[in-house]
Amino acid sequence: MQRAKYTAEFKEEAVRQVIDRGHSVIDVAKRLGLGDGLLYTWVKKFKAANEPVAIDDMKSMQAELNRLKAELRRTTEERDILKKAAAYFAKQPRSIWALIPSET
């Protein structure tokens, strides 16, 4: 008996039915006429091949998080400085405004 050869597109679609669409391996294997073990192997290989991408995504997400935290810290400091400045100028005597001639 000769082993069946499957195209890469067929394998990818079968794996996507399991991973992306959430179907069970057994159901997909039955529908496609595959052995359960064969489909489990394809899914395992697919996940192993795509794992470094997930690690790269995590690194980029961590870098973005660190950048956003630094920006938040900077803007919080700026806000606090502006609050203190507003409080300081609110305490100043109104005599400065007395020097400006009124139009009425």
C-alpha atoms as a PDB file:
ATOM      1  CA  MET A   1       0.000   0.000   0.000  1.00  0.00           C
ATOM      2  CA  GLN A   2       1.358   3.365  -1.013  1.00  0.00           C
ATOM      3  CA  ARG A   3       1.413   6.357   1.361  1.00  0.00           C
ATOM      4  CA  ALA A   4      -0.732   9.304   0.414  1.00  0.00           C
ATOM      5  CA  LYS A   5       1.020  12.600  -0.307  1.00  0.00           C
ATOM      6  CA  TYR A   6      -0.728  15.781   0.674  1.00  0.00           C
ATOM      7  CA  THR A   7      -0.017  19.256  -0.632  1.00  0.00           C
ATOM      8  CA  ALA A   8       1.190  22.005   1.663  1.00  0.00           C
ATOM      9  CA  GLU A   9      -2.064  23.906   1.068  1.00  0.00           C
ATOM     10  CA  PHE A  10      -4.126  20.895   2.133  1.00  0.00           C
ATOM     11  CA  LYS A  11      -2.055  20.455   5.292  1.00  0.00           C
ATOM     12  CA  GLU A  12      -2.270  24.151   6.116  1.00  0.00           C
ATOM     13  CA  GLU A  13      -6.044  24.251   5.667  1.00  0.00           C
ATOM     14  CA  ALA A  14      -6.498  21.167   7.847  1.00  0.00           C
ATOM     15  CA  VAL A  15      -4.344  22.705  10.592  1.00  0.00           C
ATOM     16  CA  ARG A  16      -6.178  26.037  10.335  1.00  0.00           C
ATOM     17  CA  GLN A  17      -9.496  24.272  10.878  1.00  0.00           C
ATOM     18  CA  VAL A  18      -8.115  22.993  14.166  1.00  0.00           C
ATOM     19  CA  ILE A  19      -6.246  26.095  15.340  1.00  0.00           C
ATOM     20  CA  ASP A  20      -8.194  29.048  13.948  1.00  0.00           C
ATOM     21  CA  ARG A  21     -11.714  27.682  13.793  1.00  0.00           C
ATOM     22  CA  GLY A  22     -11.534  25.622  16.966  1.00  0.00           C
ATOM     23  CA  HIS A  23     -12.643  22.287  15.537  1.00  0.00           C
ATOM     24  CA  SER A  24     -11.327  19.180  17.252  1.00  0.00           C
ATOM     25  CA  VAL A  25      -8.536  17.225  15.618  1.00  0.00           C
ATOM     26  CA  ILE A  26     -10.653  14.073  15.549  1.00  0.00           C
ATOM     27  CA  ASP A  27     -13.570  15.793  13.767  1.00  0.00           C
ATOM     28  CA  VAL A  28     -11.346  17.388  11.142  1.00  0.00           C
ATOM     29  CA  ALA A  29      -9.453  14.153  10.587  1.00  0.00           C
ATOM     30  CA  LYS A  30     -12.694  12.224  10.065  1.00  0.00           C
ATOM     31  CA  ARG A  31     -14.088  14.829   7.648  1.00  0.00           C
ATOM     32  CA  LEU A  32     -10.888  14.861   5.592  1.00  0.00           C
ATOM     33  CA  GLY A  33     -10.269  11.121   5.754  1.00  0.00           C
ATOM     34  CA  LEU A  34      -7.008  11.423   7.675  1.00  0.00           C
ATOM     35  CA  GLY A  35      -5.609   9.551  10.603  1.00  0.00           C
ATOM     36  CA  ASP A  36      -5.846  11.355  13.933  1.00  0.00           C
ATOM     37  CA  GLY A  37      -2.131  10.934  14.595  1.00  0.00           C
ATOM     38  CA  LEU A  38      -1.199  12.444  11.240  1.00  0.00           C
ATOM     39  CA  LEU A  39      -3.239  15.582  11.881  1.00  0.00           C
ATOM     40  CA  TYR A  40      -1.880  15.858  15.429  1.00  0.00           C
ATOM     41  CA  THR A  41       1.623  15.751  13.921  1.00  0.00           C
ATOM     42  CA  TRP A  42       0.783  18.516  11.421  1.00  0.00           C
ATOM     43  CA  VAL A  43      -0.669  20.708  14.164  1.00  0.00           C
ATOM     44  CA  LYS A  44       2.391  20.151  16.358  1.00  0.00           C
ATOM     45  CA  LYS A  45       4.761  21.047  13.504  1.00  0.00           C
ATOM     46  CA  PHE A  46       2.713  24.133  12.640  1.00  0.00           C
ATOM     47  CA  LYS A  47       2.779  25.377  16.229  1.00  0.00           C
ATOM     48  CA  ALA A  48       6.524  24.726  16.513  1.00  0.00           C
ATOM     49  CA  ALA A  49       7.198  26.587  13.253  1.00  0.00           C
ATOM     50  CA  ASN A  50       5.153  29.597  14.362  1.00  0.00           C
ATOM     51  CA  GLU A  51       6.478  29.806  17.922  1.00  0.00           C
ATOM     52  CA  PRO A  52       9.423  32.158  17.166  1.00  0.00           C
ATOM     53  CA  VAL A  53       6.980  34.615  15.629  1.00  0.00           C
ATOM     54  CA  ALA A  54       5.090  34.709  18.908  1.00  0.00           C
ATOM     55  CA  ILE A  55       8.329  35.386  20.795  1.00  0.00           C
ATOM     56  CA  ASP A  56       9.176  38.233  18.413  1.00  0.00           C
ATOM     57  CA  ASP A  57       5.677  39.616  18.908  1.00  0.00           C
ATOM     58  CA  MET A  58       6.138  39.485  22.665  1.00  0.00           C
ATOM     59  CA  LYS A  59       9.450  41.361  22.397  1.00  0.00           C
ATOM     60  CA  SER A  60       7.917  44.084  20.260  1.00  0.00           C
ATOM     61  CA  MET A  61       4.901  44.324  22.561  1.00  0.00           C
ATOM     62  CA  GLN A  62       7.206  44.582  25.596  1.00  0.00           C
ATOM     63  CA  ALA A  63       9.202  47.350  23.894  1.00  0.00           C
ATOM     64  CA  GLU A  64       5.988  49.223  23.097  1.00  0.00           C
ATOM     65  CA  LEU A  65       4.803  48.796  26.698  1.00  0.00           C
ATOM     66  CA  ASN A  66       8.093  50.179  28.035  1.00  0.00           C
ATOM     67  CA  ARG A  67       7.867  53.151  25.648  1.00  0.00           C
ATOM     68  CA  LEU A  68       4.298  53.888  26.716  1.00  0.00           C
ATOM     69  CA  LYS A  69       5.193  53.637  30.414  1.00  0.00           C
ATOM     70  CA  ALA A  70       8.024  56.142  29.924  1.00  0.00           C
ATOM     71  CA  GLU A  71       5.695  58.499  28.044  1.00  0.00           C
ATOM     72  CA  LEU A  72       3.069  58.198  30.794  1.00  0.00           C
ATOM     73  CA  ARG A  73       5.678  58.943  33.457  1.00  0.00           C
ATOM     74  CA  ARG A  74       6.846  62.030  31.530  1.00  0.00           C
ATOM     75  CA  THR A  75       3.343  63.390  30.945  1.00  0.00           C
ATOM     76  CA  THR A  76       2.412  62.781  34.584  1.00  0.00           C
ATOM     77  CA  GLU A  77       5.438  64.801  35.684  1.00  0.00           C
ATOM     78  CA  GLU A  78       4.491  67.601  33.270  1.00  0.00           C
ATOM     79  CA  ARG A  79       0.933  67.629  34.608  1.00  0.00           C
ATOM     80  CA  ASP A  80       2.168  67.803  38.196  1.00  0.00           C
ATOM     81  CA  ILE A  81       4.457  70.729  37.346  1.00  0.00           C
ATOM     82  CA  LEU A  82       1.588  72.581  35.682  1.00  0.00           C
ATOM     83  CA  LYS A  83      -0.667  71.956  38.701  1.00  0.00           C
ATOM     84  CA  LYS A  84       1.972  73.429  41.026  1.00  0.00           C
ATOM     85  CA  ALA A  85       2.466  76.417  38.727  1.00  0.00           C
ATOM     86  CA  ALA A  86      -1.281  77.055  38.599  1.00  0.00           C
ATOM     87  CA  ALA A  87      -1.497  76.881  42.388  1.00  0.00           C
ATOM     88  CA  TYR A  88       1.473  79.247  42.738  1.00  0.00           C
ATOM     89  CA  PHE A  89       0.017  81.862  40.404  1.00  0.00           C
ATOM     90  CA  ALA A  90      -3.405  81.554  42.022  1.00  0.00           C
ATOM     91  CA  LYS A  91      -1.836  82.642  45.341  1.00  0.00           C
ATOM     92  CA  GLN A  92      -0.174  85.763  43.829  1.00  0.00           C
ATOM     93  CA  PRO A  93      -1.739  89.052  44.835  1.00  0.00           C
ATOM     94  CA  ARG A  94      -4.049  90.666  42.324  1.00  0.00           C
ATOM     95  CA  SER A  95      -2.053  93.913  42.433  1.00  0.00           C
ATOM     96  CA  ILE A  96      -0.346  92.972  39.152  1.00  0.00           C
ATOM     97  CA  TRP A  97      -3.666  93.345  37.398  1.00  0.00           C
ATOM     98  CA  ALA A  98      -4.225  96.729  38.997  1.00  0.00           C
ATOM     99  CA  LEU A  99      -1.403  98.172  36.890  1.00  0.00           C
ATOM    100  CA  ILE A 100      -3.245  97.386  33.693  1.00  0.00           C
ATOM    101  CA  PRO A 101      -5.672 100.210  32.811  1.00  0.00           C
ATOM    102  CA  SER A 102      -9.248  99.120  32.479  1.00  0.00           C
ATOM    103  CA  GLU A 103     -11.202  99.979  29.382  1.00  0.00           C
ATOM    104  CA  THR A 104     -14.349 101.011  31.225  1.00  0.00           C
END
